[in-house]
Structures are given as structure tokens and as C-alpha cells.
């Protein structure tokens, strides 16, 4: 399993890093659209695991996404960011406590459309952050990756109190706090020691515009959002009886398994960036 995970990760990096740094916009558009299509297909499978229409619905949403953000962009993407942040604040985060509606219900169908809108907001943020610079996009993603990696090790070493035992029994408060502390330390080091090379990262821009206290508050908010995104997808999988959102990425599960924590984070980061 570990060998498979490593090989898949290397293959993804071999595709993604050249696309990001060769600055070929249309190559980026193709890759982003493919990942969006996979994520939205997995989304509708999780909400309707017994239906055979997920692929058809995903094709429609993907065509609309490509048209709206690559062929004829017109709407201010900040609209999508604001909507996404509101949805996570008012609907998805509370669902971790209140639960999800039953499958095959009208409420579930409505929620699937609402979550699909949040996925659109995530990928709209990817397009916007990439347009600013590939480094800026990667610097936001790196916050989530660092929080996840260090949360795993902190949880293994110190985890005692379960974060959400009914949703994801392996996650602990100690792990989440350890991941957050690691992000604060790494962001501080990147700004203090990174110099001009790191001047255009998300953390450096927030610090330069708002100061250290605001940076730490923003980073804590971002880490918290990543945890909520991860837990919400776990809640969807548990309800649907799925271990992974799909088997599209051998050793890793599906695309949504890899971007679940980014779905709430990227629109939030893009909205904050628009204010700077």
C-alpha cells in the first residue's frame, strides 16, 4: 500500500508541478477541469450512492464550470468565495454536530447541490490563486498539507481525546492542536528566513498587510476550516458506507479524499487575499 501511495503521489507531482511552473494557462485549465470533474462526480456518488446518474450530472457541472471560468469568465469570483464561506459557516460545520439528512430524501438532494456549489467555490479559488501566482496557490495548499501531516504525528504521539469519535475515530484534539502549532511555526520561519523568495506567499502577504497577530489568527482559522472540511467528507463517506470517495487514485482513494480539507480553505484564503 505504501509503495502504491508513493508511486501515485510521484505521478501526480510529475503532472502538477510542470503545469504550475511552466505557466501554461490552458494546460492548467485542462488539469483543473479534469480534477473538478472527478471531485464533482465523487460528490454526487457520496450523496446518492445507489444512483447511476452521477457521471451524467458531473458531466453537466463540469461543462458549466469550464464555460464559466475558462471559456467565458465574467462573474466576479469573489461571489463564489463569499457563498462558499457562508455555506461552510451556516450549513456544513453545524452538520458535524447536528448530523446529515437521510439518503434518498429531498433534504439530501438539496444538500448535494449545496455541497457541489462549495466544490465549485474551491476550484474557482484554485483558478484565481493560480492567476495571482503558482507559488501563492501552493503556499495556501501547503498550510493544509502541513496541518494534516503534523496532526497525524501529533495524534500518534499524544492523542487521547477524540475530536469527533462518531465521524472519524482516528482524529484527536491533540493532533489538531499539534498541526495548528506546526503551521504557526513553519509560517513564522518562512517569513523570517525566507526573504524575497517567500515574500509573495499567502502567509507573508497577510503578515505584511495586517501584522503578526492577524496572521496567527488567520492561520488558526484556516487550520480549523481544513479540519472541518476533512471531517465533513468523512461524515459523508460514513453515511454512504464508503471507505474512500472513489478508487481513482490508487493508494489514496479519490480526488475528493485529497481535496476535502481544501474545499473550505481555498475560498476562505481567496476571499482574505482579495481584501489585502
C-alpha atoms as a PDB file:
ATOM      1  CA  UNK A   1       0.000   0.000   0.000  1.00  0.00           C
ATOM      2  CA  UNK A   2       2.783   2.452   0.885  1.00  0.00           C
ATOM      3  CA  UNK A   3       4.578   1.749  -2.399  1.00  0.00           C
ATOM      4  CA  UNK A   4       1.340   2.364  -4.306  1.00  0.00           C
ATOM      5  CA  UNK A   5       0.726   5.623  -2.441  1.00  0.00           C
ATOM      6  CA  UNK A   6       4.248   6.848  -3.198  1.00  0.00           C
ATOM      7  CA  UNK A   7       4.053   5.947  -6.893  1.00  0.00           C
ATOM      8  CA  UNK A   8       0.683   7.662  -7.254  1.00  0.00           C
ATOM      9  CA  UNK A   9       1.965  10.772  -5.450  1.00  0.00           C
ATOM     10  CA  UNK A  10       5.024  10.921  -7.703  1.00  0.00           C
ATOM     11  CA  UNK A  11       2.867  10.560 -10.804  1.00  0.00           C
ATOM     12  CA  UNK A  12       0.613  13.400  -9.631  1.00  0.00           C
ATOM     13  CA  UNK A  13       3.594  15.630  -8.905  1.00  0.00           C
ATOM     14  CA  UNK A  14       5.038  14.841 -12.332  1.00  0.00           C
ATOM     15  CA  UNK A  15       1.828  16.218 -13.852  1.00  0.00           C
ATOM     16  CA  UNK A  16       1.032  19.075 -11.491  1.00  0.00           C
ATOM     17  CA  UNK A  17       4.401  20.747 -10.912  1.00  0.00           C
ATOM     18  CA  UNK A  18       5.244  21.315 -14.619  1.00  0.00           C
ATOM     19  CA  UNK A  19       1.718  22.613 -15.234  1.00  0.00           C
ATOM     20  CA  UNK A  20       2.078  25.074 -12.354  1.00  0.00           C
ATOM     21  CA  UNK A  21       5.556  26.348 -13.122  1.00  0.00           C
ATOM     22  CA  UNK A  22       5.648  26.312 -16.917  1.00  0.00           C
ATOM     23  CA  UNK A  23       2.865  28.903 -16.683  1.00  0.00           C
ATOM     24  CA  UNK A  24       0.828  27.318 -19.483  1.00  0.00           C
ATOM     25  CA  UNK A  25      -2.662  28.558 -18.731  1.00  0.00           C
ATOM     26  CA  UNK A  26      -4.512  26.141 -20.993  1.00  0.00           C
ATOM     27  CA  UNK A  27      -2.622  23.132 -19.677  1.00  0.00           C
ATOM     28  CA  UNK A  28      -3.608  24.314 -16.209  1.00  0.00           C
ATOM     29  CA  UNK A  29      -7.216  24.718 -17.367  1.00  0.00           C
ATOM     30  CA  UNK A  30      -7.334  21.133 -18.667  1.00  0.00           C
ATOM     31  CA  UNK A  31      -5.844  19.661 -15.483  1.00  0.00           C
ATOM     32  CA  UNK A  32      -8.030  21.780 -13.174  1.00  0.00           C
ATOM     33  CA  UNK A  33     -11.153  20.848 -15.155  1.00  0.00           C
ATOM     34  CA  UNK A  34     -10.313  17.134 -15.011  1.00  0.00           C
ATOM     35  CA  UNK A  35      -9.811  17.281 -11.247  1.00  0.00           C
ATOM     36  CA  UNK A  36     -13.020  19.276 -10.850  1.00  0.00           C
ATOM     37  CA  UNK A  37     -14.940  16.707 -12.905  1.00  0.00           C
ATOM     38  CA  UNK A  38     -13.608  13.867 -10.758  1.00  0.00           C
ATOM     39  CA  UNK A  39     -14.372  15.702  -7.493  1.00  0.00           C
ATOM     40  CA  UNK A  40     -17.911  16.616  -8.522  1.00  0.00           C
ATOM     41  CA  UNK A  41     -18.601  13.044  -9.706  1.00  0.00           C
ATOM     42  CA  UNK A  42     -17.421  11.689  -6.358  1.00  0.00           C
ATOM     43  CA  UNK A  43     -19.557  14.288  -4.586  1.00  0.00           C
ATOM     44  CA  UNK A  44     -22.788  13.103  -6.194  1.00  0.00           C
ATOM     45  CA  UNK A  45     -21.823   9.452  -5.599  1.00  0.00           C
ATOM     46  CA  UNK A  46     -21.448  10.153  -1.882  1.00  0.00           C
ATOM     47  CA  UNK A  47     -24.844  11.802  -1.681  1.00  0.00           C
ATOM     48  CA  UNK A  48     -26.573   9.278  -3.937  1.00  0.00           C
ATOM     49  CA  UNK A  49     -24.579   6.026  -3.750  1.00  0.00           C
ATOM     50  CA  UNK A  50     -27.287   3.941  -5.412  1.00  0.00           C
ATOM     51  CA  UNK A  51     -27.945   6.159  -8.401  1.00  0.00           C
ATOM     52  CA  UNK A  52     -26.370   5.557 -11.786  1.00  0.00           C
ATOM     53  CA  UNK A  53     -26.694   9.182 -12.873  1.00  0.00           C
ATOM     54  CA  UNK A  54     -23.691  10.645 -11.029  1.00  0.00           C
ATOM     55  CA  UNK A  55     -21.479  10.614 -14.144  1.00  0.00           C
ATOM     56  CA  UNK A  56     -24.114  12.387 -16.268  1.00  0.00           C
ATOM     57  CA  UNK A  57     -24.731  15.026 -13.601  1.00  0.00           C
ATOM     58  CA  UNK A  58     -20.980  15.526 -13.145  1.00  0.00           C
ATOM     59  CA  UNK A  59     -20.511  15.987 -16.902  1.00  0.00           C
ATOM     60  CA  UNK A  60     -23.100  18.786 -16.894  1.00  0.00           C
ATOM     61  CA  UNK A  61     -21.485  20.520 -13.899  1.00  0.00           C
ATOM     62  CA  UNK A  62     -18.006  20.170 -15.431  1.00  0.00           C
ATOM     63  CA  UNK A  63     -19.123  21.668 -18.739  1.00  0.00           C
ATOM     64  CA  UNK A  64     -20.687  24.581 -16.861  1.00  0.00           C
ATOM     65  CA  UNK A  65     -17.506  25.061 -14.805  1.00  0.00           C
ATOM     66  CA  UNK A  66     -15.276  25.083 -17.903  1.00  0.00           C
ATOM     67  CA  UNK A  67     -17.510  27.599 -19.641  1.00  0.00           C
ATOM     68  CA  UNK A  68     -17.891  29.893 -16.629  1.00  0.00           C
ATOM     69  CA  UNK A  69     -14.242  30.000 -15.549  1.00  0.00           C
ATOM     70  CA  UNK A  70     -12.182  29.337 -18.694  1.00  0.00           C
ATOM     71  CA  UNK A  71     -14.165  29.990 -21.866  1.00  0.00           C
ATOM     72  CA  UNK A  72     -16.315  32.980 -20.943  1.00  0.00           C
ATOM     73  CA  UNK A  73     -15.340  34.170 -17.458  1.00  0.00           C
ATOM     74  CA  UNK A  74     -17.458  37.088 -16.384  1.00  0.00           C
ATOM     75  CA  UNK A  75     -18.784  36.736 -12.844  1.00  0.00           C
ATOM     76  CA  UNK A  76     -16.596  38.164 -10.110  1.00  0.00           C
ATOM     77  CA  UNK A  77     -15.132  35.027  -8.459  1.00  0.00           C
ATOM     78  CA  UNK A  78     -15.379  36.743  -5.071  1.00  0.00           C
ATOM     79  CA  UNK A  79     -19.085  35.896  -5.230  1.00  0.00           C
ATOM     80  CA  UNK A  80     -18.217  32.190  -5.189  1.00  0.00           C
ATOM     81  CA  UNK A  81     -15.747  32.662  -2.354  1.00  0.00           C
ATOM     82  CA  UNK A  82     -18.251  34.509  -0.188  1.00  0.00           C
ATOM     83  CA  UNK A  83     -21.005  31.973  -0.885  1.00  0.00           C
ATOM     84  CA  UNK A  84     -18.650  29.104  -0.029  1.00  0.00           C
ATOM     85  CA  UNK A  85     -17.572  30.658   3.272  1.00  0.00           C
ATOM     86  CA  UNK A  86     -21.211  31.282   4.211  1.00  0.00           C
ATOM     87  CA  UNK A  87     -22.194  27.706   3.349  1.00  0.00           C
ATOM     88  CA  UNK A  88     -19.431  26.259   5.491  1.00  0.00           C
ATOM     89  CA  UNK A  89     -20.264  28.564   8.377  1.00  0.00           C
ATOM     90  CA  UNK A  90     -24.041  28.166   8.302  1.00  0.00           C
ATOM     91  CA  UNK A  91     -24.607  24.646   6.967  1.00  0.00           C
ATOM     92  CA  UNK A  92     -21.665  22.250   6.754  1.00  0.00           C
ATOM     93  CA  UNK A  93     -19.841  22.982  10.025  1.00  0.00           C
ATOM     94  CA  UNK A  94     -23.095  22.712  12.069  1.00  0.00           C
ATOM     95  CA  UNK A  95     -23.816  19.365  10.348  1.00  0.00           C
ATOM     96  CA  UNK A  96     -20.876  17.843  12.218  1.00  0.00           C
ATOM     97  CA  UNK A  97     -22.932  18.265  15.378  1.00  0.00           C
ATOM     98  CA  UNK A  98     -26.472  18.071  14.008  1.00  0.00           C
ATOM     99  CA  UNK A  99     -25.955  15.237  11.533  1.00  0.00           C
ATOM    100  CA  UNK A 100     -26.948  14.724   7.894  1.00  0.00           C
ATOM    101  CA  UNK A 101     -30.386  14.138   6.370  1.00  0.00           C
ATOM    102  CA  UNK A 102     -31.285  10.577   5.324  1.00  0.00           C
ATOM    103  CA  UNK A 103     -30.194   9.323   1.919  1.00  0.00           C
ATOM    104  CA  UNK A 104     -32.890   9.388  -0.765  1.00  0.00           C
ATOM    105  CA  UNK A 105     -34.587  12.368   0.850  1.00  0.00           C
ATOM    106  CA  UNK A 106     -35.400  15.775  -0.598  1.00  0.00           C
ATOM    107  CA  UNK A 107     -33.192  17.414   2.042  1.00  0.00           C
ATOM    108  CA  UNK A 108     -30.280  15.213   0.960  1.00  0.00           C
ATOM    109  CA  UNK A 109     -30.770  16.139  -2.701  1.00  0.00           C
ATOM    110  CA  UNK A 110     -30.757  19.819  -1.779  1.00  0.00           C
ATOM    111  CA  UNK A 111     -27.646  19.362   0.367  1.00  0.00           C
ATOM    112  CA  UNK A 112     -25.847  17.620  -2.505  1.00  0.00           C
ATOM    113  CA  UNK A 113     -26.426  20.678  -4.700  1.00  0.00           C
ATOM    114  CA  UNK A 114     -25.256  22.999  -1.932  1.00  0.00           C
ATOM    115  CA  UNK A 115     -22.059  20.994  -1.392  1.00  0.00           C
ATOM    116  CA  UNK A 116     -21.481  20.929  -5.153  1.00  0.00           C
ATOM    117  CA  UNK A 117     -21.594  24.740  -5.077  1.00  0.00           C
ATOM    118  CA  UNK A 118     -18.910  24.660  -2.362  1.00  0.00           C
ATOM    119  CA  UNK A 119     -16.761  22.451  -4.619  1.00  0.00           C
ATOM    120  CA  UNK A 120     -17.218  25.000  -7.412  1.00  0.00           C
ATOM    121  CA  UNK A 121     -16.070  27.703  -4.981  1.00  0.00           C
ATOM    122  CA  UNK A 122     -12.969  25.670  -4.156  1.00  0.00           C
ATOM    123  CA  UNK A 123     -11.961  25.261  -7.788  1.00  0.00           C
ATOM    124  CA  UNK A 124     -12.854  28.866  -8.595  1.00  0.00           C
ATOM    125  CA  UNK A 125     -10.371  29.780  -5.851  1.00  0.00           C
ATOM    126  CA  UNK A 126      -7.761  27.499  -7.441  1.00  0.00           C
ATOM    127  CA  UNK A 127      -8.180  29.383 -10.739  1.00  0.00           C
ATOM    128  CA  UNK A 128      -7.955  32.783  -9.025  1.00  0.00           C
ATOM    129  CA  UNK A 129      -4.981  31.940  -6.803  1.00  0.00           C
ATOM    130  CA  UNK A 130      -3.115  30.410  -9.759  1.00  0.00           C
ATOM    131  CA  UNK A 131      -3.733  33.589 -11.768  1.00  0.00           C
ATOM    132  CA  UNK A 132      -2.026  35.537  -8.976  1.00  0.00           C
ATOM    133  CA  UNK A 133       0.921  33.114  -8.988  1.00  0.00           C
ATOM    134  CA  UNK A 134       1.541  29.362  -8.744  1.00  0.00           C
ATOM    135  CA  UNK A 135       3.605  29.980  -5.586  1.00  0.00           C
ATOM    136  CA  UNK A 136       0.694  31.783  -3.959  1.00  0.00           C
ATOM    137  CA  UNK A 137      -1.633  28.867  -4.694  1.00  0.00           C
ATOM    138  CA  UNK A 138       0.869  26.306  -3.429  1.00  0.00           C
ATOM    139  CA  UNK A 139       1.542  28.340  -0.280  1.00  0.00           C
ATOM    140  CA  UNK A 140      -2.135  28.096   0.713  1.00  0.00           C
ATOM    141  CA  UNK A 141      -2.233  24.385  -0.048  1.00  0.00           C
ATOM    142  CA  UNK A 142       0.968  23.893   1.948  1.00  0.00           C
ATOM    143  CA  UNK A 143      -0.756  25.225   5.081  1.00  0.00           C
ATOM    144  CA  UNK A 144      -3.356  22.464   4.814  1.00  0.00           C
ATOM    145  CA  UNK A 145      -0.782  19.791   3.984  1.00  0.00           C
ATOM    146  CA  UNK A 146       1.436  20.795   6.914  1.00  0.00           C
ATOM    147  CA  UNK A 147      -1.522  20.850   9.306  1.00  0.00           C
ATOM    148  CA  UNK A 148      -2.579  17.383   8.147  1.00  0.00           C
ATOM    149  CA  UNK A 149       0.903  15.832   8.314  1.00  0.00           C
ATOM    150  CA  UNK A 150       1.770  17.215  11.737  1.00  0.00           C
ATOM    151  CA  UNK A 151      -1.698  16.446  13.066  1.00  0.00           C
ATOM    152  CA  UNK A 152      -1.098  12.804  12.158  1.00  0.00           C
ATOM    153  CA  UNK A 153       2.202  12.620  14.008  1.00  0.00           C
ATOM    154  CA  UNK A 154       0.958  14.665  16.967  1.00  0.00           C
ATOM    155  CA  UNK A 155      -2.088  12.459  17.214  1.00  0.00           C
ATOM    156  CA  UNK A 156       0.027   9.317  17.137  1.00  0.00           C
ATOM    157  CA  UNK A 157       2.321  10.635  19.847  1.00  0.00           C
ATOM    158  CA  UNK A 158      -0.080  12.461  22.152  1.00  0.00           C
ATOM    159  CA  UNK A 159      -3.645  11.762  21.028  1.00  0.00           C
ATOM    160  CA  UNK A 160      -6.027  10.855  23.854  1.00  0.00           C
ATOM    161  CA  UNK A 161      -9.171  12.945  23.451  1.00  0.00           C
ATOM    162  CA  UNK A 162     -11.175  12.122  20.325  1.00  0.00           C
ATOM    163  CA  UNK A 163     -12.061  15.074  18.126  1.00  0.00           C
ATOM    164  CA  UNK A 164     -15.156  13.537  16.514  1.00  0.00           C
ATOM    165  CA  UNK A 165     -15.420   9.880  17.552  1.00  0.00           C
ATOM    166  CA  UNK A 166     -18.664   9.189  15.695  1.00  0.00           C
ATOM    167  CA  UNK A 167     -17.293  10.603  12.426  1.00  0.00           C
ATOM    168  CA  UNK A 168     -13.545   9.938  12.371  1.00  0.00           C
ATOM    169  CA  UNK A 169     -12.341   7.963  15.420  1.00  0.00           C
ATOM    170  CA  UNK A 170      -8.669   8.348  14.487  1.00  0.00           C
ATOM    171  CA  UNK A 171      -8.601  12.133  14.896  1.00  0.00           C
ATOM    172  CA  UNK A 172      -7.801  13.718  18.242  1.00  0.00           C
ATOM    173  CA  UNK A 173      -7.764  17.191  19.756  1.00  0.00           C
ATOM    174  CA  UNK A 174      -4.046  16.793  20.466  1.00  0.00           C
ATOM    175  CA  UNK A 175      -3.417  16.014  16.799  1.00  0.00           C
ATOM    176  CA  UNK A 176      -5.402  19.021  15.573  1.00  0.00           C
ATOM    177  CA  UNK A 177      -3.658  21.344  18.039  1.00  0.00           C
ATOM    178  CA  UNK A 178      -0.246  19.931  17.129  1.00  0.00           C
ATOM    179  CA  UNK A 179      -0.960  20.502  13.447  1.00  0.00           C
ATOM    180  CA  UNK A 180      -2.012  24.081  14.148  1.00  0.00           C
ATOM    181  CA  UNK A 181       1.117  24.819  16.195  1.00  0.00           C
ATOM    182  CA  UNK A 182       3.311  23.380  13.441  1.00  0.00           C
ATOM    183  CA  UNK A 183       1.644  25.664  10.873  1.00  0.00           C
ATOM    184  CA  UNK A 184       2.272  28.736  13.044  1.00  0.00           C
ATOM    185  CA  UNK A 185       5.943  27.804  13.492  1.00  0.00           C
ATOM    186  CA  UNK A 186       6.543  26.983   9.821  1.00  0.00           C
ATOM    187  CA  UNK A 187       4.795  30.138   8.623  1.00  0.00           C
ATOM    188  CA  UNK A 188       6.868  32.257  11.010  1.00  0.00           C
ATOM    189  CA  UNK A 189      10.106  30.656   9.824  1.00  0.00           C
ATOM    190  CA  UNK A 190       9.150  31.060   6.165  1.00  0.00           C
ATOM    191  CA  UNK A 191       8.594  34.793   6.668  1.00  0.00           C
ATOM    192  CA  UNK A 192      11.596  35.475   8.916  1.00  0.00           C
ATOM    193  CA  UNK A 193      14.073  33.338   6.977  1.00  0.00           C
ATOM    194  CA  UNK A 194      12.505  33.165   3.520  1.00  0.00           C
ATOM    195  CA  UNK A 195      13.264  36.701   2.438  1.00  0.00           C
ATOM    196  CA  UNK A 196      12.244  37.710  -1.086  1.00  0.00           C
ATOM    197  CA  UNK A 197      11.732  34.090  -2.115  1.00  0.00           C
ATOM    198  CA  UNK A 198       8.758  33.838   0.239  1.00  0.00           C
ATOM    199  CA  UNK A 199       7.542  37.427   0.024  1.00  0.00           C
ATOM    200  CA  UNK A 200       4.614  36.570  -2.237  1.00  0.00           C
ATOM    201  CA  UNK A 201       3.284  33.621  -0.265  1.00  0.00           C
ATOM    202  CA  UNK A 202      -0.105  33.799   1.417  1.00  0.00           C
ATOM    203  CA  UNK A 203       1.336  33.966   4.935  1.00  0.00           C
ATOM    204  CA  UNK A 204       3.847  36.686   4.034  1.00  0.00           C
ATOM    205  CA  UNK A 205       1.202  38.833   2.354  1.00  0.00           C
ATOM    206  CA  UNK A 206      -1.158  38.570   5.321  1.00  0.00           C
ATOM    207  CA  UNK A 207       1.654  39.432   7.749  1.00  0.00           C
ATOM    208  CA  UNK A 208       2.843  42.376   5.646  1.00  0.00           C
ATOM    209  CA  UNK A 209      -0.675  43.816   5.379  1.00  0.00           C
ATOM    210  CA  UNK A 210      -2.169  43.012   8.779  1.00  0.00           C
ATOM    211  CA  UNK A 211       0.682  42.184  11.172  1.00  0.00           C
ATOM    212  CA  UNK A 212       1.722  39.142  13.171  1.00  0.00           C
ATOM    213  CA  UNK A 213      -1.313  38.860  15.436  1.00  0.00           C
ATOM    214  CA  UNK A 214      -3.706  38.903  12.491  1.00  0.00           C
ATOM    215  CA  UNK A 215      -1.555  36.368  10.640  1.00  0.00           C
ATOM    216  CA  UNK A 216      -1.730  33.905  13.527  1.00  0.00           C
ATOM    217  CA  UNK A 217      -5.493  34.422  13.818  1.00  0.00           C
ATOM    218  CA  UNK A 218      -5.931  33.803  10.081  1.00  0.00           C
ATOM    219  CA  UNK A 219      -3.751  30.690  10.155  1.00  0.00           C
ATOM    220  CA  UNK A 220      -5.689  29.242  13.099  1.00  0.00           C
ATOM    221  CA  UNK A 221      -8.921  29.922  11.202  1.00  0.00           C
ATOM    222  CA  UNK A 222      -7.524  28.251   8.078  1.00  0.00           C
ATOM    223  CA  UNK A 223      -6.383  25.175  10.023  1.00  0.00           C
ATOM    224  CA  UNK A 224      -9.780  24.931  11.732  1.00  0.00           C
ATOM    225  CA  UNK A 225     -11.503  25.170   8.340  1.00  0.00           C
ATOM    226  CA  UNK A 226      -9.317  22.372   6.979  1.00  0.00           C
ATOM    227  CA  UNK A 227     -10.293  20.109   9.874  1.00  0.00           C
ATOM    228  CA  UNK A 228     -13.984  20.855   9.302  1.00  0.00           C
ATOM    229  CA  UNK A 229     -13.648  20.079   5.594  1.00  0.00           C
ATOM    230  CA  UNK A 230     -11.929  16.784   6.319  1.00  0.00           C
ATOM    231  CA  UNK A 231     -14.496  15.766   8.930  1.00  0.00           C
ATOM    232  CA  UNK A 232     -17.464  16.691   6.755  1.00  0.00           C
ATOM    233  CA  UNK A 233     -16.285  14.473   3.915  1.00  0.00           C
ATOM    234  CA  UNK A 234     -15.648  11.666   6.421  1.00  0.00           C
ATOM    235  CA  UNK A 235     -19.217  12.136   7.612  1.00  0.00           C
ATOM    236  CA  UNK A 236     -20.481  11.810   4.032  1.00  0.00           C
ATOM    237  CA  UNK A 237     -18.447   8.640   3.465  1.00  0.00           C
ATOM    238  CA  UNK A 238     -19.580   7.054   6.729  1.00  0.00           C
ATOM    239  CA  UNK A 239     -23.229   7.719   5.880  1.00  0.00           C
ATOM    240  CA  UNK A 240     -22.804   6.302   2.356  1.00  0.00           C
ATOM    241  CA  UNK A 241     -20.849   3.274   3.611  1.00  0.00           C
ATOM    242  CA  UNK A 242     -17.745   4.184   1.579  1.00  0.00           C
ATOM    243  CA  UNK A 243     -14.156   3.874   2.744  1.00  0.00           C
ATOM    244  CA  UNK A 244     -12.962   6.299   0.036  1.00  0.00           C
ATOM    245  CA  UNK A 245     -14.766   8.705  -2.263  1.00  0.00           C
ATOM    246  CA  UNK A 246     -13.555   6.523  -5.187  1.00  0.00           C
ATOM    247  CA  UNK A 247     -10.567   4.408  -6.237  1.00  0.00           C
ATOM    248  CA  UNK A 248      -9.402   6.897  -8.851  1.00  0.00           C
ATOM    249  CA  UNK A 249      -6.028   7.486  -7.165  1.00  0.00           C
ATOM    250  CA  UNK A 250      -4.514   4.110  -6.193  1.00  0.00           C
ATOM    251  CA  UNK A 251      -3.411   4.109  -2.578  1.00  0.00           C
ATOM    252  CA  UNK A 252      -5.029   7.490  -1.939  1.00  0.00           C
ATOM    253  CA  UNK A 253      -8.704   6.908  -2.648  1.00  0.00           C
ATOM    254  CA  UNK A 254     -10.437   9.562  -4.699  1.00  0.00           C
ATOM    255  CA  UNK A 255      -9.801  13.157  -5.711  1.00  0.00           C
ATOM    256  CA  UNK A 256     -12.265  14.385  -3.093  1.00  0.00           C
ATOM    257  CA  UNK A 257     -10.290  12.493  -0.441  1.00  0.00           C
ATOM    258  CA  UNK A 258      -7.277  14.594  -1.383  1.00  0.00           C
ATOM    259  CA  UNK A 259      -9.027  17.967  -1.610  1.00  0.00           C
ATOM    260  CA  UNK A 260     -11.666  17.633   1.141  1.00  0.00           C
ATOM    261  CA  UNK A 261      -9.736  19.884   3.540  1.00  0.00           C
ATOM    262  CA  UNK A 262      -9.099  22.385   0.731  1.00  0.00           C
ATOM    263  CA  UNK A 263     -12.778  22.785  -0.174  1.00  0.00           C
ATOM    264  CA  UNK A 264     -13.470  25.240   2.687  1.00  0.00           C
ATOM    265  CA  UNK A 265      -9.914  26.621   2.904  1.00  0.00           C
ATOM    266  CA  UNK A 266      -9.227  27.839  -0.626  1.00  0.00           C
ATOM    267  CA  UNK A 267     -12.314  30.088  -0.956  1.00  0.00           C
ATOM    268  CA  UNK A 268     -11.572  31.488   2.511  1.00  0.00           C
ATOM    269  CA  UNK A 269      -7.956  32.213   1.561  1.00  0.00           C
ATOM    270  CA  UNK A 270      -9.011  33.733  -1.765  1.00  0.00           C
ATOM    271  CA  UNK A 271     -11.541  35.976  -0.006  1.00  0.00           C
ATOM    272  CA  UNK A 272      -8.934  37.114   2.512  1.00  0.00           C
ATOM    273  CA  UNK A 273      -6.455  37.702  -0.311  1.00  0.00           C
ATOM    274  CA  UNK A 274      -8.979  39.864  -2.143  1.00  0.00           C
ATOM    275  CA  UNK A 275      -9.157  42.137   0.910  1.00  0.00           C
ATOM    276  CA  UNK A 276      -5.376  42.568   1.233  1.00  0.00           C
END
